[in-house]
N, C-alpha and C. Protein backbone atom coordinates (compact mmCIF):
# COMPACT_ATOMS: atom_id res chain seq x y z
N MET A 1 4.96 20.56 7.96
CA MET A 1 4.13 20.63 9.15
C MET A 1 4.42 21.94 9.85
N SER A 2 3.40 22.65 10.24
CA SER A 2 3.60 23.93 10.92
C SER A 2 2.98 23.90 12.31
N TYR A 3 3.38 22.94 13.10
CA TYR A 3 2.86 22.79 14.45
C TYR A 3 3.83 23.34 15.49
N THR A 4 4.65 24.29 15.09
CA THR A 4 5.60 24.85 16.03
C THR A 4 4.88 25.63 17.10
N GLY A 5 5.46 25.70 18.25
CA GLY A 5 4.87 26.42 19.36
C GLY A 5 5.19 25.74 20.66
N PRO A 6 5.00 26.46 21.76
CA PRO A 6 5.35 25.89 23.07
C PRO A 6 4.45 24.74 23.51
N GLU A 7 3.29 24.55 22.85
CA GLU A 7 2.38 23.48 23.25
C GLU A 7 2.80 22.11 22.72
N ASN A 8 3.77 22.07 21.81
CA ASN A 8 4.25 20.80 21.25
C ASN A 8 5.69 20.56 21.66
N VAL A 9 5.92 19.44 22.34
CA VAL A 9 7.26 19.13 22.81
C VAL A 9 8.07 18.36 21.76
N LEU A 10 7.40 17.62 20.89
CA LEU A 10 8.08 16.83 19.87
C LEU A 10 7.31 16.92 18.56
N ILE A 11 8.03 17.26 17.50
CA ILE A 11 7.44 17.31 16.16
C ILE A 11 8.31 16.45 15.25
N VAL A 12 7.71 15.46 14.63
CA VAL A 12 8.40 14.58 13.68
C VAL A 12 7.76 14.83 12.32
N ASP A 13 8.57 15.23 11.35
CA ASP A 13 8.04 15.64 10.05
C ASP A 13 8.75 14.94 8.91
N GLY A 14 8.05 14.03 8.25
CA GLY A 14 8.56 13.37 7.05
C GLY A 14 9.81 12.54 7.25
N LEU A 15 9.90 11.88 8.39
CA LEU A 15 11.09 11.10 8.73
C LEU A 15 11.24 9.90 7.80
N LYS A 16 12.47 9.68 7.33
CA LYS A 16 12.75 8.55 6.43
C LYS A 16 14.16 8.05 6.71
N LYS A 17 14.33 6.75 6.62
CA LYS A 17 15.66 6.14 6.78
C LYS A 17 15.83 5.06 5.73
N ASP A 18 16.85 5.21 4.90
CA ASP A 18 17.18 4.20 3.89
C ASP A 18 18.34 3.37 4.39
N LEU A 19 18.28 2.07 4.19
CA LEU A 19 19.34 1.14 4.57
C LEU A 19 19.66 0.22 3.41
N MET A 20 20.85 -0.36 3.44
CA MET A 20 21.23 -1.37 2.46
C MET A 20 21.32 -2.72 3.16
N TYR A 21 20.73 -3.75 2.56
CA TYR A 21 20.81 -5.10 3.09
C TYR A 21 21.04 -6.04 1.92
N ARG A 22 22.20 -6.66 1.92
CA ARG A 22 22.57 -7.58 0.84
C ARG A 22 22.39 -6.94 -0.53
N PHE A 23 22.95 -5.76 -0.69
CA PHE A 23 22.94 -5.00 -1.95
C PHE A 23 21.54 -4.56 -2.38
N THR A 24 20.61 -4.57 -1.46
CA THR A 24 19.25 -4.12 -1.75
C THR A 24 18.91 -2.97 -0.82
N LYS A 25 18.45 -1.87 -1.40
CA LYS A 25 18.07 -0.70 -0.61
C LYS A 25 16.62 -0.84 -0.16
N PHE A 26 16.38 -0.57 1.13
CA PHE A 26 15.01 -0.57 1.64
C PHE A 26 14.87 0.53 2.68
N SER A 27 13.64 0.91 2.97
CA SER A 27 13.35 1.99 3.91
C SER A 27 12.48 1.46 5.05
N PRO A 28 13.08 1.19 6.22
CA PRO A 28 12.27 0.74 7.34
C PRO A 28 11.36 1.84 7.88
N VAL A 29 11.74 3.10 7.70
CA VAL A 29 10.91 4.24 8.11
C VAL A 29 10.65 5.08 6.88
N LYS A 30 9.36 5.26 6.54
CA LYS A 30 8.98 6.02 5.35
C LYS A 30 7.95 7.07 5.73
N ASP A 31 8.29 8.33 5.55
CA ASP A 31 7.37 9.45 5.72
C ASP A 31 6.60 9.40 7.04
N LEU A 32 7.34 9.28 8.14
CA LEU A 32 6.74 9.25 9.47
C LEU A 32 6.57 10.68 9.97
N SER A 33 5.36 11.06 10.30
CA SER A 33 5.06 12.40 10.79
C SER A 33 4.04 12.31 11.93
N PHE A 34 4.34 12.99 13.04
CA PHE A 34 3.40 13.10 14.14
C PHE A 34 3.84 14.22 15.07
N VAL A 35 2.95 14.61 15.95
CA VAL A 35 3.21 15.67 16.92
C VAL A 35 2.84 15.15 18.30
N VAL A 36 3.68 15.44 19.30
CA VAL A 36 3.40 15.07 20.68
C VAL A 36 3.24 16.37 21.48
N PRO A 37 2.02 16.65 21.96
CA PRO A 37 1.82 17.85 22.77
C PRO A 37 2.49 17.72 24.14
N ILE A 38 2.70 18.84 24.77
CA ILE A 38 3.31 18.86 26.10
C ILE A 38 2.44 18.06 27.08
N ARG A 39 3.09 17.40 28.02
CA ARG A 39 2.45 16.57 29.04
C ARG A 39 1.70 15.36 28.47
N GLN A 40 2.16 14.84 27.33
CA GLN A 40 1.58 13.65 26.73
C GLN A 40 2.68 12.62 26.53
N CYS A 41 2.31 11.35 26.58
CA CYS A 41 3.26 10.30 26.24
C CYS A 41 2.84 9.69 24.91
N PHE A 42 3.73 8.96 24.28
CA PHE A 42 3.42 8.34 22.99
C PHE A 42 4.16 7.02 22.87
N GLY A 43 3.72 6.23 21.95
CA GLY A 43 4.37 4.97 21.64
C GLY A 43 4.16 4.65 20.17
N LEU A 44 4.97 3.77 19.65
CA LEU A 44 4.82 3.31 18.28
C LEU A 44 4.41 1.85 18.29
N VAL A 45 3.37 1.54 17.56
CA VAL A 45 2.84 0.18 17.50
C VAL A 45 2.90 -0.28 16.04
N GLY A 46 3.35 -1.50 15.83
CA GLY A 46 3.41 -2.03 14.48
C GLY A 46 3.92 -3.46 14.47
N ALA A 47 3.86 -4.05 13.31
CA ALA A 47 4.30 -5.43 13.13
C ALA A 47 5.83 -5.51 13.19
N ASN A 48 6.34 -6.73 13.31
CA ASN A 48 7.79 -6.94 13.28
C ASN A 48 8.35 -6.41 11.96
N GLY A 49 9.45 -5.68 12.05
CA GLY A 49 10.07 -5.14 10.85
C GLY A 49 9.43 -3.88 10.32
N ALA A 50 8.55 -3.26 11.10
CA ALA A 50 7.85 -2.06 10.64
C ALA A 50 8.67 -0.79 10.79
N GLY A 51 9.80 -0.83 11.48
CA GLY A 51 10.66 0.33 11.62
C GLY A 51 10.55 1.06 12.95
N LYS A 52 9.91 0.44 13.93
CA LYS A 52 9.74 1.08 15.25
C LYS A 52 11.09 1.33 15.93
N SER A 53 11.94 0.35 15.96
CA SER A 53 13.26 0.51 16.61
C SER A 53 14.11 1.53 15.87
N THR A 54 14.07 1.51 14.56
CA THR A 54 14.83 2.49 13.77
C THR A 54 14.32 3.89 14.04
N ALA A 55 13.00 4.05 14.12
CA ALA A 55 12.42 5.36 14.41
C ALA A 55 12.88 5.87 15.78
N PHE A 56 12.86 5.01 16.79
CA PHE A 56 13.31 5.44 18.12
C PHE A 56 14.81 5.72 18.15
N LYS A 57 15.60 5.01 17.36
CA LYS A 57 17.04 5.31 17.27
C LYS A 57 17.27 6.70 16.67
N ILE A 58 16.44 7.07 15.70
CA ILE A 58 16.53 8.41 15.11
C ILE A 58 16.08 9.45 16.14
N LEU A 59 14.97 9.18 16.83
CA LEU A 59 14.45 10.13 17.82
C LEU A 59 15.41 10.34 18.99
N SER A 60 16.19 9.33 19.31
CA SER A 60 17.15 9.45 20.41
C SER A 60 18.53 9.92 19.92
N ALA A 61 18.63 10.30 18.66
CA ALA A 61 19.85 10.84 18.05
C ALA A 61 20.99 9.82 18.00
N ASN A 62 20.67 8.54 17.95
CA ASN A 62 21.68 7.50 17.79
C ASN A 62 21.95 7.17 16.33
N VAL A 63 20.97 7.47 15.47
CA VAL A 63 21.07 7.22 14.04
C VAL A 63 20.58 8.48 13.33
N VAL A 64 21.23 8.84 12.23
CA VAL A 64 20.83 10.02 11.45
C VAL A 64 19.82 9.59 10.39
N SER A 65 18.76 10.37 10.23
CA SER A 65 17.74 10.05 9.24
C SER A 65 18.22 10.40 7.84
N THR A 66 17.63 9.77 6.84
CA THR A 66 17.92 10.06 5.44
C THR A 66 17.20 11.33 5.00
N ALA A 67 15.99 11.53 5.51
CA ALA A 67 15.19 12.72 5.16
C ALA A 67 14.28 13.05 6.34
N GLY A 68 13.72 14.23 6.31
CA GLY A 68 12.80 14.66 7.36
C GLY A 68 13.51 15.35 8.50
N ASP A 69 12.75 15.73 9.50
CA ASP A 69 13.30 16.46 10.64
C ASP A 69 12.57 16.07 11.91
N VAL A 70 13.29 16.19 13.02
CA VAL A 70 12.72 16.00 14.35
C VAL A 70 13.01 17.28 15.12
N VAL A 71 11.96 17.87 15.69
CA VAL A 71 12.11 19.09 16.47
C VAL A 71 11.73 18.76 17.91
N LEU A 72 12.68 18.92 18.81
CA LEU A 72 12.49 18.61 20.23
C LEU A 72 12.61 19.90 21.02
N HIS A 73 11.54 20.30 21.68
CA HIS A 73 11.51 21.56 22.44
C HIS A 73 11.96 22.74 21.59
N GLY A 74 11.56 22.77 20.33
CA GLY A 74 11.88 23.87 19.44
C GLY A 74 13.25 23.81 18.80
N ILE A 75 14.02 22.75 19.05
CA ILE A 75 15.37 22.62 18.49
C ILE A 75 15.35 21.51 17.43
N SER A 76 15.77 21.85 16.23
CA SER A 76 15.77 20.92 15.11
C SER A 76 17.00 20.01 15.17
N MET A 77 16.80 18.72 14.99
CA MET A 77 17.92 17.79 14.93
C MET A 77 18.75 17.99 13.67
N VAL A 78 18.12 18.44 12.60
CA VAL A 78 18.85 18.68 11.35
C VAL A 78 19.76 19.88 11.51
N GLU A 79 19.27 20.93 12.17
CA GLU A 79 20.04 22.17 12.30
C GLU A 79 21.07 22.12 13.43
N ASP A 80 20.73 21.47 14.54
CA ASP A 80 21.62 21.50 15.71
C ASP A 80 21.54 20.19 16.50
N LEU A 81 22.10 19.13 15.93
CA LEU A 81 22.04 17.81 16.56
C LEU A 81 22.72 17.78 17.92
N LYS A 82 23.86 18.42 18.06
CA LYS A 82 24.59 18.40 19.32
C LYS A 82 23.77 19.03 20.45
N LYS A 83 23.02 20.08 20.14
CA LYS A 83 22.20 20.73 21.16
C LYS A 83 21.06 19.82 21.62
N VAL A 84 20.52 19.04 20.71
CA VAL A 84 19.44 18.11 21.05
C VAL A 84 19.98 16.97 21.92
N GLN A 85 21.22 16.50 21.60
CA GLN A 85 21.80 15.40 22.36
C GLN A 85 22.06 15.84 23.78
């Protein structure tokens, strides 16, 4: 995704999270990508177990993603997590 620029406050690109549950690997978040322009709000809507809480845990830097990147105000969580926190 090449939506970098001052007009976008949040860029989520190819976010993925793999988890293990009872020796079975599953991905509650698979290839999540979206852009939030400045002065806009957003929400995630989906069925139970769709990965909304996991996605917000990744966006709030409480959980590390398996793949993908989150860019907040031009700062990548993959490159500089402490600066984003």
